[in-house]
């Protein structure tokens, strides 16, 4: 394996992610990815054995980026002395900043569930495993909630987050939710947390 192979492979993977976000999953083809990566189409087949495997790896990578260190980040914030609510608020603020910046990636992750009502995909498994691990971390700060109520509150919160991740401008006619604005994003996060942590 030459030194150039990993960089070409990585370039193709990054190009696939770029194309999915820019054009959407359905409009992302081998030619578009090859053009973005500045390689010929044969290179995609050589490194990934075709578009399907490349797209699967691209989505796997973005899913890992979305969830990879979230629990560890929360635990680090707690270890630095932040309370449970403050640590969770900081975490949500960062997640919303990133998720709403890449709506087509979020949509691609949920495509099977949205289009085909299939709930066995990687993102569904990852979300549910993450929430199952997050709930006990929040429980000490939510003694007013039963375990079921805590799980319901988290599912409500995550539902609204994913809706906005896929469609960040859905409420524009009603309320301007520009998540690029720290002020707006933080106000939304504070409001969203009231179901878990009432004043």
N, C-alpha and C. Protein backbone atom coordinates (compact mmCIF):
# COMPACT_ATOMS: atom_id res chain seq x y z
N UNK A 1 0.84 -1.18 0.00
CA UNK A 1 0.00 0.00 0.00
C UNK A 1 0.89 1.25 0.00
N UNK A 2 0.68 2.14 -0.93
CA UNK A 2 1.51 3.33 -1.01
C UNK A 2 1.01 4.39 -0.03
N UNK A 3 1.86 5.42 0.17
CA UNK A 3 1.49 6.51 1.08
C UNK A 3 0.29 7.29 0.57
N UNK A 4 0.07 7.29 -0.76
CA UNK A 4 -1.02 8.08 -1.32
C UNK A 4 -2.38 7.43 -1.13
N UNK A 5 -2.44 6.13 -1.00
CA UNK A 5 -3.73 5.43 -0.92
C UNK A 5 -4.61 5.92 0.22
N UNK A 6 -4.10 6.04 1.45
CA UNK A 6 -4.98 6.52 2.52
C UNK A 6 -5.50 7.93 2.27
N UNK A 7 -4.68 8.80 1.72
CA UNK A 7 -5.14 10.17 1.50
C UNK A 7 -6.19 10.24 0.39
N UNK A 8 -6.03 9.42 -0.65
CA UNK A 8 -7.04 9.39 -1.72
C UNK A 8 -8.34 8.82 -1.17
N UNK A 9 -8.24 7.75 -0.41
CA UNK A 9 -9.42 7.13 0.19
C UNK A 9 -10.14 8.13 1.10
N UNK A 10 -9.39 8.83 1.93
CA UNK A 10 -9.98 9.81 2.83
C UNK A 10 -10.61 10.96 2.05
N UNK A 11 -9.95 11.39 0.97
CA UNK A 11 -10.50 12.46 0.14
C UNK A 11 -11.84 12.05 -0.45
N UNK A 12 -11.94 10.81 -0.89
CA UNK A 12 -13.20 10.32 -1.46
C UNK A 12 -14.28 10.28 -0.39
N UNK A 13 -13.93 9.83 0.80
CA UNK A 13 -14.89 9.76 1.90
C UNK A 13 -15.39 11.16 2.27
N UNK A 14 -14.49 12.11 2.39
CA UNK A 14 -14.86 13.50 2.69
C UNK A 14 -15.72 14.07 1.57
N UNK A 15 -15.38 13.75 0.34
CA UNK A 15 -16.16 14.23 -0.81
C UNK A 15 -17.58 13.68 -0.77
N UNK A 16 -17.72 12.43 -0.39
CA UNK A 16 -19.06 11.83 -0.29
C UNK A 16 -19.88 12.56 0.76
N UNK A 17 -19.29 12.84 1.90
CA UNK A 17 -20.00 13.57 2.96
C UNK A 17 -20.37 14.97 2.48
N UNK A 18 -19.45 15.64 1.80
CA UNK A 18 -19.71 16.98 1.26
C UNK A 18 -20.87 16.94 0.28
N UNK A 19 -20.87 15.97 -0.61
CA UNK A 19 -21.94 15.86 -1.61
C UNK A 19 -23.29 15.56 -0.98
N UNK A 20 -23.30 14.69 0.01
CA UNK A 20 -24.56 14.37 0.68
C UNK A 20 -25.13 15.63 1.32
N UNK A 21 -24.29 16.39 2.00
CA UNK A 21 -24.78 17.61 2.65
C UNK A 21 -25.19 18.68 1.64
N UNK A 22 -24.43 18.82 0.58
CA UNK A 22 -24.72 19.86 -0.40
C UNK A 22 -25.92 19.52 -1.27
N UNK A 23 -25.98 18.26 -1.75
CA UNK A 23 -26.97 17.88 -2.76
C UNK A 23 -28.08 16.97 -2.25
N UNK A 24 -27.90 16.38 -1.08
CA UNK A 24 -28.85 15.38 -0.59
C UNK A 24 -28.43 13.99 -1.02
N UNK A 25 -28.91 13.01 -0.30
CA UNK A 25 -28.51 11.63 -0.55
C UNK A 25 -28.92 11.15 -1.93
N UNK A 26 -30.15 11.43 -2.34
CA UNK A 26 -30.65 10.94 -3.62
C UNK A 26 -29.91 11.54 -4.82
N UNK A 27 -29.42 12.76 -4.68
CA UNK A 27 -28.73 13.42 -5.79
C UNK A 27 -27.22 13.18 -5.78
N UNK A 28 -26.74 12.43 -4.81
CA UNK A 28 -25.30 12.16 -4.72
C UNK A 28 -24.97 10.89 -5.49
N UNK A 29 -24.22 11.07 -6.56
CA UNK A 29 -23.82 9.94 -7.40
C UNK A 29 -22.31 9.81 -7.47
N UNK A 30 -21.88 8.76 -8.11
CA UNK A 30 -20.44 8.48 -8.26
C UNK A 30 -19.74 9.64 -8.95
N UNK A 31 -20.34 10.17 -10.01
CA UNK A 31 -19.68 11.26 -10.76
C UNK A 31 -19.48 12.49 -9.90
N UNK A 32 -20.53 12.84 -9.11
CA UNK A 32 -20.44 14.02 -8.25
C UNK A 32 -19.37 13.84 -7.18
N UNK A 33 -19.33 12.65 -6.60
CA UNK A 33 -18.32 12.38 -5.57
C UNK A 33 -16.92 12.41 -6.17
N UNK A 34 -16.76 11.79 -7.33
CA UNK A 34 -15.45 11.77 -8.00
C UNK A 34 -14.99 13.19 -8.35
N UNK A 35 -15.93 13.99 -8.85
CA UNK A 35 -15.60 15.39 -9.18
C UNK A 35 -15.17 16.15 -7.93
N UNK A 36 -15.92 15.98 -6.84
CA UNK A 36 -15.61 16.66 -5.58
C UNK A 36 -14.25 16.22 -5.03
N UNK A 37 -13.94 14.92 -5.15
CA UNK A 37 -12.68 14.38 -4.64
C UNK A 37 -11.51 14.57 -5.60
N UNK A 38 -11.84 15.01 -6.82
CA UNK A 38 -10.84 15.18 -7.88
C UNK A 38 -10.12 13.87 -8.19
N UNK A 39 -10.95 12.83 -8.36
CA UNK A 39 -10.45 11.52 -8.78
C UNK A 39 -11.37 11.03 -9.90
N UNK A 40 -10.97 9.95 -10.55
CA UNK A 40 -11.89 9.38 -11.54
C UNK A 40 -12.81 8.39 -10.85
N UNK A 41 -13.91 8.08 -11.49
CA UNK A 41 -14.93 7.19 -10.90
C UNK A 41 -14.36 5.82 -10.54
N UNK A 42 -13.39 5.37 -11.31
CA UNK A 42 -12.80 4.05 -11.04
C UNK A 42 -12.15 4.00 -9.65
N UNK A 43 -11.65 5.14 -9.18
CA UNK A 43 -11.02 5.17 -7.86
C UNK A 43 -12.04 4.85 -6.76
N UNK A 44 -13.28 5.27 -6.94
CA UNK A 44 -14.32 4.98 -5.95
C UNK A 44 -14.57 3.48 -5.88
N UNK A 45 -14.65 2.86 -7.05
CA UNK A 45 -14.83 1.40 -7.08
C UNK A 45 -13.61 0.68 -6.50
N UNK A 46 -12.43 1.20 -6.77
CA UNK A 46 -11.21 0.58 -6.28
C UNK A 46 -11.14 0.61 -4.75
N UNK A 47 -11.41 1.77 -4.18
CA UNK A 47 -11.29 1.94 -2.74
C UNK A 47 -12.51 1.46 -1.95
N UNK A 48 -13.70 1.52 -2.57
CA UNK A 48 -14.92 1.26 -1.80
C UNK A 48 -15.83 0.20 -2.43
N UNK A 49 -15.45 -0.37 -3.54
CA UNK A 49 -16.27 -1.37 -4.23
C UNK A 49 -17.67 -0.84 -4.57
N UNK A 50 -17.75 0.46 -4.86
CA UNK A 50 -19.00 1.03 -5.32
C UNK A 50 -19.59 2.08 -4.39
N UNK A 51 -20.62 2.73 -4.90
CA UNK A 51 -21.26 3.84 -4.21
C UNK A 51 -21.94 3.41 -2.91
N UNK A 52 -22.61 2.27 -2.92
CA UNK A 52 -23.38 1.85 -1.74
C UNK A 52 -22.49 1.72 -0.50
N UNK A 53 -21.35 1.07 -0.68
CA UNK A 53 -20.44 0.89 0.44
C UNK A 53 -19.83 2.23 0.87
N UNK A 54 -19.51 3.08 -0.09
CA UNK A 54 -18.95 4.39 0.22
C UNK A 54 -19.95 5.22 1.02
N UNK A 55 -21.21 5.25 0.59
CA UNK A 55 -22.23 6.03 1.30
C UNK A 55 -22.42 5.47 2.71
N UNK A 56 -22.46 4.15 2.82
CA UNK A 56 -22.61 3.53 4.15
C UNK A 56 -21.46 3.94 5.07
N UNK A 57 -20.23 3.95 4.55
CA UNK A 57 -19.09 4.35 5.37
C UNK A 57 -19.12 5.83 5.71
N UNK A 58 -19.56 6.65 4.76
CA UNK A 58 -19.67 8.09 5.01
C UNK A 58 -20.69 8.37 6.12
N UNK A 59 -21.82 7.69 6.06
CA UNK A 59 -22.85 7.88 7.09
C UNK A 59 -22.39 7.32 8.43
N UNK A 60 -21.66 6.21 8.39
CA UNK A 60 -21.12 5.65 9.62
C UNK A 60 -20.14 6.62 10.27
N UNK A 61 -19.31 7.26 9.44
CA UNK A 61 -18.33 8.22 9.97
C UNK A 61 -19.03 9.44 10.57
N UNK A 62 -20.06 9.97 9.89
CA UNK A 62 -20.75 11.14 10.43
C UNK A 62 -21.55 10.78 11.68
N UNK A 63 -22.05 9.57 11.74
CA UNK A 63 -22.75 9.11 12.94
C UNK A 63 -21.78 9.00 14.11
N UNK A 64 -20.60 8.48 13.84
CA UNK A 64 -19.57 8.39 14.88
C UNK A 64 -19.17 9.78 15.37
N UNK A 65 -19.09 10.74 14.44
CA UNK A 65 -18.76 12.11 14.84
C UNK A 65 -19.87 12.72 15.68
N UNK A 66 -21.12 12.40 15.33
CA UNK A 66 -22.26 12.96 16.05
C UNK A 66 -22.38 12.41 17.47
N UNK A 67 -22.04 11.13 17.66
CA UNK A 67 -22.25 10.50 18.96
C UNK A 67 -20.98 10.06 19.65
N UNK A 68 -19.87 10.03 18.91
CA UNK A 68 -18.65 9.41 19.42
C UNK A 68 -18.24 9.78 20.82
N UNK A 69 -18.20 11.05 21.14
CA UNK A 69 -17.66 11.48 22.44
C UNK A 69 -18.68 12.18 23.32
N UNK A 70 -19.95 12.10 22.98
CA UNK A 70 -20.96 12.89 23.70
C UNK A 70 -21.02 12.50 25.17
N UNK A 71 -21.10 11.22 25.46
CA UNK A 71 -21.16 10.79 26.87
C UNK A 71 -19.87 11.13 27.60
N UNK A 72 -18.74 10.91 26.93
CA UNK A 72 -17.45 11.25 27.54
C UNK A 72 -17.34 12.75 27.78
N UNK A 73 -17.84 13.55 26.84
CA UNK A 73 -17.82 15.02 27.01
C UNK A 73 -18.66 15.42 28.22
N UNK A 74 -19.85 14.80 28.35
CA UNK A 74 -20.71 15.08 29.50
C UNK A 74 -19.98 14.72 30.79
N UNK A 75 -19.37 13.55 30.82
CA UNK A 75 -18.66 13.10 32.02
C UNK A 75 -17.49 14.02 32.35
N UNK A 76 -16.81 14.52 31.32
CA UNK A 76 -15.70 15.45 31.55
C UNK A 76 -16.20 16.77 32.13
N UNK A 77 -17.31 17.27 31.61
CA UNK A 77 -17.89 18.51 32.15
C UNK A 77 -18.27 18.32 33.61
N UNK A 78 -18.81 17.15 33.94
CA UNK A 78 -19.16 16.86 35.34
C UNK A 78 -17.90 16.78 36.20
N UNK A 79 -16.86 16.15 35.66
CA UNK A 79 -15.61 16.02 36.42
C UNK A 79 -14.95 17.38 36.68
N UNK A 80 -15.24 18.34 35.80
CA UNK A 80 -14.69 19.69 35.98
C UNK A 80 -15.51 20.52 36.97
N UNK A 81 -16.57 19.91 37.51
CA UNK A 81 -17.34 20.59 38.54
C UNK A 81 -18.68 21.15 38.10
N UNK A 82 -19.04 20.98 36.83
CA UNK A 82 -20.34 21.47 36.39
C UNK A 82 -21.44 20.57 36.95
N UNK A 83 -22.55 21.17 37.32
CA UNK A 83 -23.70 20.41 37.75
C UNK A 83 -24.29 19.65 36.58
N UNK A 84 -25.19 18.73 36.89
CA UNK A 84 -25.79 17.89 35.84
C UNK A 84 -26.51 18.74 34.82
N UNK A 85 -27.34 19.67 35.28
CA UNK A 85 -28.11 20.51 34.35
C UNK A 85 -27.17 21.36 33.49
N UNK A 86 -26.18 21.99 34.09
CA UNK A 86 -25.26 22.86 33.35
C UNK A 86 -24.46 22.05 32.32
N UNK A 87 -24.03 20.86 32.72
CA UNK A 87 -23.26 20.00 31.79
C UNK A 87 -24.14 19.56 30.63
N UNK A 88 -25.37 19.18 30.93
CA UNK A 88 -26.29 18.73 29.88
C UNK A 88 -26.67 19.88 28.96
N UNK A 89 -26.85 21.05 29.52
CA UNK A 89 -27.17 22.25 28.72
C UNK A 89 -26.02 22.58 27.77
N UNK A 90 -24.80 22.53 28.26
CA UNK A 90 -23.63 22.79 27.41
C UNK A 90 -23.53 21.77 26.29
N UNK A 91 -23.82 20.52 26.63
CA UNK A 91 -23.78 19.44 25.66
C UNK A 91 -24.83 19.65 24.56
N UNK A 92 -26.05 19.96 24.95
CA UNK A 92 -27.12 20.18 23.97
C UNK A 92 -26.84 21.39 23.09
N UNK A 93 -26.28 22.42 23.68
CA UNK A 93 -25.94 23.62 22.91
C UNK A 93 -24.97 23.25 21.78
N UNK A 94 -23.96 22.48 22.11
CA UNK A 94 -22.98 22.08 21.10
C UNK A 94 -23.60 21.15 20.06
N UNK A 95 -24.40 20.18 20.51
CA UNK A 95 -25.06 19.27 19.57
C UNK A 95 -25.94 20.04 18.59
N UNK A 96 -26.74 20.97 19.10
CA UNK A 96 -27.65 21.72 18.22
C UNK A 96 -26.88 22.60 17.24
N UNK A 97 -25.77 23.15 17.68
CA UNK A 97 -24.95 23.96 16.79
C UNK A 97 -24.48 23.12 15.60
N UNK A 98 -24.02 21.91 15.88
CA UNK A 98 -23.49 21.04 14.82
C UNK A 98 -24.61 20.41 13.99
N UNK A 99 -25.61 19.86 14.67
CA UNK A 99 -26.65 19.13 13.96
C UNK A 99 -27.42 20.01 13.00
N UNK A 100 -27.77 21.22 13.42
CA UNK A 100 -28.57 22.08 12.55
C UNK A 100 -27.75 22.68 11.41
N UNK A 101 -26.44 22.55 11.48
CA UNK A 101 -25.58 23.04 10.40
C UNK A 101 -25.52 22.05 9.23
N UNK A 102 -25.96 20.81 9.45
CA UNK A 102 -25.86 19.77 8.42
C UNK A 102 -27.19 19.01 8.25
N UNK A 103 -28.24 19.71 7.82
CA UNK A 103 -29.56 19.07 7.75
C UNK A 103 -29.66 17.88 6.79
N UNK A 104 -28.94 17.93 5.68
CA UNK A 104 -29.04 16.82 4.73
C UNK A 104 -28.33 15.56 5.25
N UNK A 105 -27.31 15.75 6.07
CA UNK A 105 -26.65 14.60 6.70
C UNK A 105 -27.63 13.97 7.69
N UNK A 106 -28.28 14.80 8.50
CA UNK A 106 -29.26 14.28 9.46
C UNK A 106 -30.37 13.53 8.73
N UNK A 107 -30.85 14.11 7.63
CA UNK A 107 -31.91 13.46 6.86
C UNK A 107 -31.43 12.13 6.29
N UNK A 108 -30.20 12.09 5.83
CA UNK A 108 -29.65 10.84 5.28
C UNK A 108 -29.60 9.75 6.35
N UNK A 109 -29.26 10.14 7.57
CA UNK A 109 -29.22 9.16 8.66
C UNK A 109 -30.59 8.56 8.92
N UNK A 110 -31.62 9.37 8.83
CA UNK A 110 -32.98 8.91 9.16
C UNK A 110 -33.78 8.49 7.94
N UNK A 111 -33.14 8.44 6.79
CA UNK A 111 -33.86 8.16 5.54
C UNK A 111 -34.66 6.86 5.59
N UNK A 112 -34.05 5.79 6.05
CA UNK A 112 -34.75 4.50 6.09
C UNK A 112 -36.00 4.57 6.97
N UNK A 113 -35.90 5.26 8.08
CA UNK A 113 -37.05 5.40 8.97
C UNK A 113 -38.10 6.32 8.35
N UNK A 114 -37.66 7.42 7.74
CA UNK A 114 -38.60 8.39 7.17
C UNK A 114 -39.30 7.86 5.92
N UNK A 115 -38.55 7.22 5.05
CA UNK A 115 -39.09 6.80 3.76
C UNK A 115 -39.71 5.41 3.81
N UNK A 116 -39.07 4.49 4.53
CA UNK A 116 -39.50 3.09 4.51
C UNK A 116 -40.04 2.58 5.84
N UNK A 117 -40.07 3.48 6.86
CA UNK A 117 -40.53 3.07 8.20
C UNK A 117 -39.73 1.88 8.74
N UNK A 118 -38.43 1.87 8.46
CA UNK A 118 -37.53 0.85 8.99
C UNK A 118 -36.80 1.44 10.19
N UNK A 119 -36.90 0.74 11.30
CA UNK A 119 -36.35 1.27 12.55
C UNK A 119 -35.23 0.40 13.11
N UNK A 120 -34.53 -0.30 12.22
CA UNK A 120 -33.44 -1.16 12.67
C UNK A 120 -32.07 -0.65 12.23
N UNK A 121 -32.03 0.56 11.69
CA UNK A 121 -30.78 1.11 11.18
C UNK A 121 -29.83 1.57 12.28
N UNK A 122 -28.62 1.89 11.87
CA UNK A 122 -27.55 2.27 12.80
C UNK A 122 -27.92 3.49 13.63
N UNK A 123 -28.53 4.49 13.01
CA UNK A 123 -28.84 5.72 13.76
C UNK A 123 -29.87 5.45 14.84
N UNK A 124 -30.88 4.64 14.55
CA UNK A 124 -31.91 4.33 15.54
C UNK A 124 -31.29 3.58 16.72
N UNK A 125 -30.44 2.61 16.41
CA UNK A 125 -29.77 1.86 17.48
C UNK A 125 -28.88 2.78 18.31
N UNK A 126 -28.15 3.65 17.63
CA UNK A 126 -27.22 4.56 18.31
C UNK A 126 -27.96 5.54 19.22
N UNK A 127 -29.05 6.11 18.72
CA UNK A 127 -29.83 7.07 19.50
C UNK A 127 -30.38 6.42 20.76
N UNK A 128 -30.99 5.25 20.60
CA UNK A 128 -31.59 4.58 21.74
C UNK A 128 -30.55 4.13 22.76
N UNK A 129 -29.41 3.64 22.29
CA UNK A 129 -28.33 3.24 23.21
C UNK A 129 -27.79 4.47 23.95
N UNK A 130 -27.64 5.57 23.23
CA UNK A 130 -27.15 6.81 23.84
C UNK A 130 -28.11 7.29 24.93
N UNK A 131 -29.40 7.35 24.62
CA UNK A 131 -30.39 7.83 25.60
C UNK A 131 -30.46 6.91 26.81
N UNK A 132 -30.32 5.60 26.58
CA UNK A 132 -30.33 4.64 27.69
C UNK A 132 -29.15 4.87 28.63
N UNK A 133 -28.03 5.35 28.09
CA UNK A 133 -26.86 5.64 28.92
C UNK A 133 -26.92 7.04 29.53
N UNK A 134 -27.61 7.95 28.85
CA UNK A 134 -27.71 9.31 29.36
C UNK A 134 -28.71 9.42 30.51
N UNK A 135 -29.81 8.67 30.44
CA UNK A 135 -30.86 8.77 31.45
C UNK A 135 -30.34 8.59 32.88
N UNK A 136 -29.56 7.55 33.17
CA UNK A 136 -29.07 7.42 34.55
C UNK A 136 -28.13 8.55 34.98
N UNK A 137 -27.47 9.17 34.03
CA UNK A 137 -26.60 10.31 34.36
C UNK A 137 -27.43 11.52 34.78
N UNK A 138 -28.64 11.64 34.24
CA UNK A 138 -29.50 12.77 34.55
C UNK A 138 -30.40 12.51 35.76
N UNK A 139 -30.62 11.25 36.08
CA UNK A 139 -31.56 10.88 37.14
C UNK A 139 -31.32 11.58 38.47
N UNK A 140 -30.07 11.73 38.94
CA UNK A 140 -29.89 12.40 40.23
C UNK A 140 -30.40 13.85 40.26
N UNK A 141 -30.45 14.51 39.11
CA UNK A 141 -30.91 15.89 39.05
C UNK A 141 -32.40 15.99 38.71
N UNK A 142 -33.05 14.83 38.51
CA UNK A 142 -34.47 14.83 38.15
C UNK A 142 -35.26 13.91 39.09
N UNK A 143 -35.14 14.13 40.42
CA UNK A 143 -35.83 13.24 41.35
C UNK A 143 -37.36 13.35 41.27
N UNK A 144 -37.84 14.43 40.68
CA UNK A 144 -39.28 14.64 40.52
C UNK A 144 -39.87 13.77 39.40
N UNK A 145 -39.00 13.13 38.61
CA UNK A 145 -39.45 12.29 37.51
C UNK A 145 -39.21 10.82 37.82
N UNK A 146 -40.20 9.99 37.50
CA UNK A 146 -39.98 8.55 37.57
C UNK A 146 -39.05 8.17 36.41
N UNK A 147 -38.58 6.94 36.41
CA UNK A 147 -37.72 6.50 35.30
C UNK A 147 -38.46 6.63 33.97
N UNK A 148 -39.73 6.25 33.94
CA UNK A 148 -40.52 6.36 32.72
C UNK A 148 -40.68 7.82 32.31
N UNK A 149 -40.97 8.69 33.25
CA UNK A 149 -41.13 10.12 32.93
C UNK A 149 -39.83 10.72 32.40
N UNK A 150 -38.71 10.31 32.97
CA UNK A 150 -37.41 10.78 32.48
C UNK A 150 -37.18 10.32 31.05
N UNK A 151 -37.48 9.06 30.77
CA UNK A 151 -37.32 8.54 29.41
C UNK A 151 -38.26 9.26 28.44
N UNK A 152 -39.48 9.53 28.87
CA UNK A 152 -40.42 10.27 28.01
C UNK A 152 -39.91 11.68 27.74
N UNK A 153 -39.41 12.35 28.77
CA UNK A 153 -38.88 13.71 28.59
C UNK A 153 -37.70 13.72 27.64
N UNK A 154 -36.80 12.73 27.78
CA UNK A 154 -35.66 12.65 26.87
C UNK A 154 -36.09 12.36 25.45
N UNK A 155 -37.08 11.49 25.27
CA UNK A 155 -37.55 11.19 23.91
C UNK A 155 -38.22 12.41 23.29
N UNK A 156 -38.94 13.19 24.09
CA UNK A 156 -39.55 14.43 23.57
C UNK A 156 -38.46 15.42 23.14
N UNK A 157 -37.47 15.57 23.99
CA UNK A 157 -36.37 16.49 23.70
C UNK A 157 -35.63 16.07 22.44
N UNK A 158 -35.29 14.78 22.35
CA UNK A 158 -34.54 14.31 21.18
C UNK A 158 -35.38 14.36 19.91
N UNK A 159 -36.68 14.15 20.03
CA UNK A 159 -37.57 14.27 18.86
C UNK A 159 -37.51 15.68 18.28
N UNK A 160 -37.60 16.67 19.15
CA UNK A 160 -37.57 18.05 18.65
C UNK A 160 -36.19 18.40 18.10
N UNK A 161 -35.14 17.87 18.71
CA UNK A 161 -33.79 18.14 18.21
C UNK A 161 -33.60 17.57 16.81
N UNK A 162 -34.08 16.33 16.59
CA UNK A 162 -33.91 15.72 15.27
C UNK A 162 -34.77 16.38 14.21
N UNK A 163 -35.97 16.80 14.59
CA UNK A 163 -36.80 17.52 13.62
C UNK A 163 -36.05 18.77 13.15
N UNK A 164 -35.50 19.51 14.09
CA UNK A 164 -34.78 20.74 13.74
C UNK A 164 -33.44 20.44 13.06
N UNK A 165 -32.83 19.31 13.38
CA UNK A 165 -31.58 18.94 12.70
C UNK A 165 -31.84 18.70 11.22
N UNK A 166 -32.99 18.09 10.90
CA UNK A 166 -33.31 17.80 9.50
C UNK A 166 -33.94 18.99 8.79
N UNK A 167 -34.66 19.81 9.54
CA UNK A 167 -35.38 20.94 8.95
C UNK A 167 -35.21 22.18 9.83
N UNK A 168 -34.01 22.76 9.87
CA UNK A 168 -33.74 23.85 10.82
C UNK A 168 -34.58 25.10 10.59
N UNK A 169 -35.22 25.23 9.43
CA UNK A 169 -35.99 26.45 9.16
C UNK A 169 -37.49 26.19 9.13
N UNK A 170 -37.92 25.04 9.66
CA UNK A 170 -39.33 24.65 9.59
C UNK A 170 -40.25 25.66 10.28
N UNK A 171 -39.79 26.33 11.31
CA UNK A 171 -40.64 27.27 12.05
C UNK A 171 -40.38 28.73 11.69
N UNK A 172 -39.65 28.99 10.62
CA UNK A 172 -39.33 30.38 10.25
C UNK A 172 -40.54 31.31 10.19
N UNK A 173 -41.69 30.90 9.62
CA UNK A 173 -42.83 31.83 9.59
C UNK A 173 -43.39 32.14 10.99
N UNK A 174 -43.14 31.26 11.94
CA UNK A 174 -43.68 31.41 13.29
C UNK A 174 -42.69 32.06 14.25
N UNK A 175 -41.46 31.54 14.27
CA UNK A 175 -40.41 32.06 15.14
C UNK A 175 -39.05 31.82 14.47
N UNK A 176 -38.22 32.84 14.46
CA UNK A 176 -36.90 32.72 13.83
C UNK A 176 -35.97 31.92 14.74
N UNK A 177 -35.60 30.73 14.28
CA UNK A 177 -34.69 29.88 15.04
C UNK A 177 -33.39 29.74 14.28
N UNK A 178 -32.59 30.77 14.34
CA UNK A 178 -31.29 30.73 13.67
C UNK A 178 -30.27 30.14 14.64
N UNK A 179 -30.02 28.85 14.50
CA UNK A 179 -29.15 28.17 15.45
C UNK A 179 -27.68 28.52 15.28
N UNK A 180 -27.37 29.35 14.29
CA UNK A 180 -26.00 29.87 14.19
C UNK A 180 -25.78 30.97 15.23
N UNK A 181 -26.88 31.55 15.70
CA UNK A 181 -26.81 32.57 16.73
C UNK A 181 -26.70 31.92 18.10
N UNK A 182 -25.62 32.22 18.82
CA UNK A 182 -25.45 31.66 20.16
C UNK A 182 -26.63 32.00 21.05
N UNK A 183 -27.09 33.22 20.96
CA UNK A 183 -28.19 33.69 21.81
C UNK A 183 -29.46 32.89 21.56
N UNK A 184 -29.82 32.72 20.29
CA UNK A 184 -31.04 31.99 19.94
C UNK A 184 -30.92 30.53 20.32
N UNK A 185 -29.79 29.92 19.98
CA UNK A 185 -29.59 28.50 20.26
C UNK A 185 -29.63 28.23 21.76
N UNK A 186 -28.96 29.05 22.54
CA UNK A 186 -28.93 28.85 23.98
C UNK A 186 -30.30 29.08 24.60
N UNK A 187 -31.05 30.04 24.09
CA UNK A 187 -32.42 30.27 24.59
C UNK A 187 -33.30 29.06 24.28
N UNK A 188 -33.14 28.48 23.08
CA UNK A 188 -33.92 27.29 22.71
C UNK A 188 -33.57 26.12 23.63
N UNK A 189 -32.28 25.93 23.88
CA UNK A 189 -31.84 24.83 24.74
C UNK A 189 -32.40 25.00 26.15
N UNK A 190 -32.32 26.22 26.70
CA UNK A 190 -32.84 26.47 28.04
C UNK A 190 -34.35 26.16 28.11
N UNK A 191 -35.07 26.60 27.10
CA UNK A 191 -36.51 26.34 27.06
C UNK A 191 -36.79 24.85 26.93
N UNK A 192 -36.04 24.16 26.08
CA UNK A 192 -36.24 22.74 25.84
C UNK A 192 -35.98 21.91 27.10
N UNK A 193 -35.10 22.40 27.97
CA UNK A 193 -34.75 21.65 29.17
C UNK A 193 -35.75 21.79 30.29
N UNK A 194 -36.74 22.65 30.13
CA UNK A 194 -37.70 22.87 31.23
C UNK A 194 -38.54 21.63 31.51
N UNK A 195 -38.69 20.76 30.52
CA UNK A 195 -39.41 19.50 30.77
C UNK A 195 -38.64 18.57 31.69
N UNK A 196 -37.33 18.70 31.67
CA UNK A 196 -36.48 17.87 32.54
C UNK A 196 -36.18 18.56 33.87
N UNK A 197 -35.87 19.85 33.77
CA UNK A 197 -35.44 20.59 34.95
C UNK A 197 -36.32 21.82 35.14
N UNK A 198 -37.51 21.67 35.69
CA UNK A 198 -38.35 22.85 35.88
C UNK A 198 -37.71 23.81 36.86
N UNK A 199 -37.96 25.07 36.68
CA UNK A 199 -37.33 26.10 37.54
C UNK A 199 -37.76 25.91 38.99
